[in-house]
Amino acid sequence: MSDLTLSPAEIEEITGFAMPCKQLQALREQGFIRAHRARDGRVILERAHYLAVCAGQFNNSKALTPSANTAWMKKTA
């Protein structure tokens, strides 16, 4: 494995799950939205993203909350 991504053992330790589908779900719930599945089924999480989320430098809560475009409803002067 590369130092650029977390090892499968590290991901299992963080999530508490051995199954990749449960690991991915747990990671996304913890805010690691860039976690994804590789073609071989394992979970990939970049170490830089992991460190940024843990340090509070990556906050994507705005992107996760959908909002409606209501600009057309406002009156124009």
N, C-alpha and C. Protein backbone atom coordinates (compact mmCIF):
# COMPACT_ATOMS: atom_id res chain seq x y z
N MET A 1 0.82 -1.19 0.00
CA MET A 1 0.00 0.00 0.00
C MET A 1 0.87 1.25 0.00
N SER A 2 0.28 2.30 -0.43
CA SER A 2 0.97 3.58 -0.52
C SER A 2 0.71 4.41 0.74
N ASP A 3 1.62 5.33 1.01
CA ASP A 3 1.40 6.25 2.13
C ASP A 3 0.36 7.31 1.77
N LEU A 4 -0.04 7.37 0.51
CA LEU A 4 -1.05 8.35 0.09
C LEU A 4 -2.45 7.97 0.54
N THR A 5 -2.69 6.69 0.78
CA THR A 5 -4.00 6.22 1.22
C THR A 5 -3.87 5.45 2.52
N LEU A 6 -4.96 5.39 3.25
CA LEU A 6 -4.97 4.61 4.48
C LEU A 6 -4.99 3.13 4.14
N SER A 7 -4.34 2.33 4.95
CA SER A 7 -4.32 0.89 4.73
C SER A 7 -5.66 0.28 5.10
N PRO A 8 -5.96 -0.91 4.59
CA PRO A 8 -7.22 -1.58 4.98
C PRO A 8 -7.32 -1.77 6.50
N ALA A 9 -6.21 -2.04 7.15
CA ALA A 9 -6.22 -2.20 8.61
C ALA A 9 -6.57 -0.89 9.30
N GLU A 10 -6.06 0.22 8.80
CA GLU A 10 -6.37 1.53 9.38
C GLU A 10 -7.85 1.87 9.20
N ILE A 11 -8.38 1.57 8.03
CA ILE A 11 -9.79 1.85 7.76
C ILE A 11 -10.67 0.99 8.66
N GLU A 12 -10.29 -0.26 8.85
CA GLU A 12 -11.06 -1.14 9.73
C GLU A 12 -11.01 -0.64 11.17
N GLU A 13 -9.86 -0.13 11.59
CA GLU A 13 -9.71 0.40 12.94
C GLU A 13 -10.56 1.66 13.14
N ILE A 14 -10.60 2.53 12.13
CA ILE A 14 -11.36 3.78 12.22
C ILE A 14 -12.87 3.50 12.25
N THR A 15 -13.32 2.58 11.41
CA THR A 15 -14.76 2.34 11.27
C THR A 15 -15.30 1.28 12.22
N GLY A 16 -14.47 0.31 12.57
CA GLY A 16 -14.94 -0.80 13.39
C GLY A 16 -15.62 -1.88 12.58
N PHE A 17 -15.55 -1.77 11.26
CA PHE A 17 -16.18 -2.76 10.38
C PHE A 17 -15.15 -3.41 9.47
N ALA A 18 -15.40 -4.66 9.11
CA ALA A 18 -14.54 -5.37 8.17
C ALA A 18 -15.13 -5.37 6.76
N MET A 19 -16.45 -5.23 6.66
CA MET A 19 -17.11 -5.23 5.35
C MET A 19 -16.95 -3.86 4.69
N PRO A 20 -16.48 -3.83 3.44
CA PRO A 20 -16.28 -2.54 2.75
C PRO A 20 -17.52 -1.67 2.66
N CYS A 21 -18.69 -2.25 2.46
CA CYS A 21 -19.90 -1.42 2.36
C CYS A 21 -20.20 -0.74 3.68
N LYS A 22 -20.00 -1.42 4.79
CA LYS A 22 -20.20 -0.82 6.11
C LYS A 22 -19.11 0.21 6.41
N GLN A 23 -17.88 -0.09 5.98
CA GLN A 23 -16.78 0.85 6.18
C GLN A 23 -17.07 2.17 5.47
N LEU A 24 -17.49 2.08 4.22
CA LEU A 24 -17.78 3.28 3.43
C LEU A 24 -18.91 4.09 4.05
N GLN A 25 -19.94 3.42 4.50
CA GLN A 25 -21.07 4.09 5.14
C GLN A 25 -20.60 4.81 6.42
N ALA A 26 -19.81 4.13 7.23
CA ALA A 26 -19.32 4.73 8.47
C ALA A 26 -18.41 5.93 8.19
N LEU A 27 -17.56 5.82 7.18
CA LEU A 27 -16.67 6.93 6.84
C LEU A 27 -17.46 8.14 6.38
N ARG A 28 -18.45 7.93 5.54
CA ARG A 28 -19.26 9.04 5.05
C ARG A 28 -20.02 9.70 6.18
N GLU A 29 -20.51 8.92 7.14
CA GLU A 29 -21.21 9.49 8.29
C GLU A 29 -20.27 10.33 9.15
N GLN A 30 -18.99 10.00 9.14
CA GLN A 30 -18.00 10.74 9.92
C GLN A 30 -17.46 11.96 9.18
N GLY A 31 -17.92 12.17 7.94
CA GLY A 31 -17.52 13.35 7.20
C GLY A 31 -16.45 13.13 6.14
N PHE A 32 -16.05 11.90 5.94
CA PHE A 32 -15.02 11.59 4.93
C PHE A 32 -15.71 11.34 3.59
N ILE A 33 -16.17 12.41 2.97
CA ILE A 33 -16.99 12.27 1.77
C ILE A 33 -16.19 11.86 0.53
N ARG A 34 -14.88 11.97 0.60
CA ARG A 34 -14.07 11.57 -0.56
C ARG A 34 -13.70 10.09 -0.52
N ALA A 35 -14.16 9.37 0.49
CA ALA A 35 -13.92 7.92 0.55
C ALA A 35 -14.72 7.26 -0.57
N HIS A 36 -14.15 6.25 -1.21
CA HIS A 36 -14.83 5.56 -2.30
C HIS A 36 -14.36 4.11 -2.38
N ARG A 37 -15.04 3.34 -3.21
CA ARG A 37 -14.69 1.93 -3.40
C ARG A 37 -13.84 1.79 -4.65
N ALA A 38 -12.82 0.97 -4.56
CA ALA A 38 -11.97 0.65 -5.71
C ALA A 38 -12.65 -0.45 -6.52
N ARG A 39 -12.13 -0.71 -7.68
CA ARG A 39 -12.71 -1.75 -8.53
C ARG A 39 -12.65 -3.13 -7.89
N ASP A 40 -11.64 -3.34 -7.06
CA ASP A 40 -11.53 -4.64 -6.40
C ASP A 40 -12.38 -4.72 -5.12
N GLY A 41 -13.12 -3.66 -4.79
CA GLY A 41 -14.06 -3.68 -3.68
C GLY A 41 -13.57 -3.04 -2.40
N ARG A 42 -12.27 -2.82 -2.28
CA ARG A 42 -11.76 -2.24 -1.05
C ARG A 42 -12.08 -0.75 -0.99
N VAL A 43 -12.03 -0.20 0.20
CA VAL A 43 -12.33 1.21 0.42
C VAL A 43 -11.04 2.01 0.31
N ILE A 44 -11.11 3.11 -0.41
CA ILE A 44 -9.97 4.00 -0.60
C ILE A 44 -10.26 5.32 0.13
N LEU A 45 -9.33 5.74 0.97
CA LEU A 45 -9.44 7.03 1.65
C LEU A 45 -8.07 7.67 1.63
N GLU A 46 -7.98 8.82 1.01
CA GLU A 46 -6.70 9.53 0.92
C GLU A 46 -6.29 10.01 2.30
N ARG A 47 -5.02 9.83 2.62
CA ARG A 47 -4.50 10.22 3.93
C ARG A 47 -4.64 11.74 4.15
N ALA A 48 -4.40 12.52 3.10
CA ALA A 48 -4.51 13.98 3.22
C ALA A 48 -5.94 14.40 3.57
N HIS A 49 -6.93 13.75 2.96
CA HIS A 49 -8.33 14.05 3.26
C HIS A 49 -8.66 13.64 4.69
N TYR A 50 -8.18 12.48 5.10
CA TYR A 50 -8.40 12.00 6.46
C TYR A 50 -7.84 13.00 7.48
N LEU A 51 -6.62 13.45 7.25
CA LEU A 51 -5.99 14.39 8.18
C LEU A 51 -6.70 15.74 8.18
N ALA A 52 -7.14 16.20 7.01
CA ALA A 52 -7.84 17.49 6.92
C ALA A 52 -9.18 17.44 7.66
N VAL A 53 -9.92 16.36 7.51
CA VAL A 53 -11.21 16.25 8.19
C VAL A 53 -10.99 16.17 9.70
N CYS A 54 -10.01 15.39 10.12
CA CYS A 54 -9.73 15.25 11.55
C CYS A 54 -9.27 16.58 12.16
N ALA A 55 -8.58 17.40 11.38
CA ALA A 55 -8.10 18.70 11.87
C ALA A 55 -9.17 19.79 11.76
N GLY A 56 -10.31 19.47 11.13
CA GLY A 56 -11.38 20.45 10.98
C GLY A 56 -11.14 21.41 9.84
N GLN A 57 -10.22 21.09 8.94
CA GLN A 57 -9.90 21.98 7.82
C GLN A 57 -10.78 21.71 6.61
N PHE A 58 -11.45 20.58 6.58
CA PHE A 58 -12.30 20.23 5.44
C PHE A 58 -13.72 20.10 5.95
N ASN A 59 -14.53 21.11 5.68
CA ASN A 59 -15.92 21.11 6.10
C ASN A 59 -16.79 21.26 4.88
N ASN A 60 -17.42 20.19 4.49
CA ASN A 60 -18.23 20.22 3.29
C ASN A 60 -19.71 20.10 3.63
N SER A 61 -20.11 20.60 4.77
CA SER A 61 -21.50 20.47 5.19
C SER A 61 -22.45 21.24 4.27
N LYS A 62 -21.96 22.34 3.68
CA LYS A 62 -22.80 23.13 2.78
C LYS A 62 -23.13 22.33 1.52
N ALA A 63 -22.18 21.57 1.01
CA ALA A 63 -22.41 20.79 -0.20
C ALA A 63 -23.34 19.62 0.07
N LEU A 64 -23.40 19.14 1.30
CA LEU A 64 -24.24 18.00 1.62
C LEU A 64 -25.69 18.42 1.86
N THR A 65 -25.94 19.71 2.08
CA THR A 65 -27.28 20.19 2.35
C THR A 65 -27.85 20.82 1.07
N PRO A 66 -28.82 20.15 0.45
CA PRO A 66 -29.39 20.71 -0.77
C PRO A 66 -30.24 21.93 -0.44
N SER A 67 -30.25 22.86 -1.36
CA SER A 67 -31.08 24.04 -1.17
C SER A 67 -31.80 24.37 -2.48
N ALA A 68 -32.98 24.91 -2.35
CA ALA A 68 -33.78 25.25 -3.52
C ALA A 68 -33.40 26.63 -4.04
N ASN A 69 -33.49 26.79 -5.34
CA ASN A 69 -33.25 28.08 -5.96
C ASN A 69 -34.55 28.87 -5.93
N THR A 70 -34.63 29.84 -5.03
CA THR A 70 -35.85 30.64 -4.89
C THR A 70 -35.67 32.06 -5.39
N ALA A 71 -34.61 32.32 -6.12
CA ALA A 71 -34.35 33.67 -6.62
C ALA A 71 -35.47 34.17 -7.52
N TRP A 72 -36.11 33.29 -8.25
CA TRP A 72 -37.16 33.69 -9.18
C TRP A 72 -38.44 34.14 -8.44
N MET A 73 -38.56 33.82 -7.15
CA MET A 73 -39.75 34.16 -6.39
C MET A 73 -39.68 35.57 -5.81
N LYS A 74 -38.47 36.16 -5.76
CA LYS A 74 -38.31 37.48 -5.17
C LYS A 74 -38.84 38.56 -6.11
N LYS A 75 -39.44 39.58 -5.51
CA LYS A 75 -39.96 40.69 -6.31
C LYS A 75 -38.80 41.55 -6.81
N THR A 76 -38.95 42.06 -8.00
CA THR A 76 -37.96 43.00 -8.54
C THR A 76 -38.57 44.39 -8.48
N ALA A 77 -37.73 45.36 -8.25
CA ALA A 77 -38.22 46.74 -8.10
C ALA A 77 -38.46 47.41 -9.42
